[in-house]
Amino acid sequence: MSALAARLRTQTWPAHRQVEATPFVRAMLRGGLSLPAYCLLLASLHPIYAALESGLQRHAGRPEVAAIYAEPLLREAALAADLAHLQGADWRGTLKAQPQALAYAEHLAALADAAPALLVAHAYVRYLGDLSGGQTLRRIVAGSLGLQGDHGTRFYDFGPPAQVSALAGSLRAGLDRIDADEATRAAIVTEAEQAFARHERLFGELETARAALSP
């Protein structure tokens, strides 16, 4: 039976590349997001992380979830702090998550009720992305928006580089420790592919919103 971490990486790579090729992500990688567009991104990620982390915390005692759960990975509070800094204390009243983000959050809540093992797939997609490419994005966002220190980029702050590397290694090792039958492992991989597809649709909505913000 192949290691789950490697299997996830190999089988989701095509979907991952499609997400990276979306106009919104390309704009983000070249430092082309305005502050309003970046805040829309964070406001859309917030309900996704809130739902994911609520489910992970609720099922932290389950073997599949316990293998990958680590409090330093949690991002919901950091997202809220960034939004309060960039948009103001009333960001919840002034920013609206995109419909695809809300649908994604509803899906995660449903998984927490019916199939909590599949939350592992979404933890893989989000947290390993935050621990790898997210560290580059932190520098790009800070530079393009003129942010100082960690103000506005706490979402990407997992600590010093050694800790970032350790968290990523621990998450991959945890995936490989999951003791599940083939049907469950295959379902986790399929769910991760679908997670990338959900991100692709979300970034499509965000690109439309970004275009509407342009003068």
Foldseek 3Di string as FASTA:
>chain_A
DDQLLVVLCVLQVVLLVLLCPDPLNVCLLQLNFDLVLVLQVLQLVQLLLVLLVVLLVVVCVPLLSVLQDDVLLRQNVVSLQLNCLSPNPVSVVVYDHDPLSVVNSVVSNVCSVPPSSLSLLVCSLPRLCLLPVVVSSLVSNCVSHVNPDCRNPSSSDSDDNVSSVVSNVSNSVSSRPRDDDPVSSVSSSVSNSVVSVSSSVSSVVSVVVSVVVDD
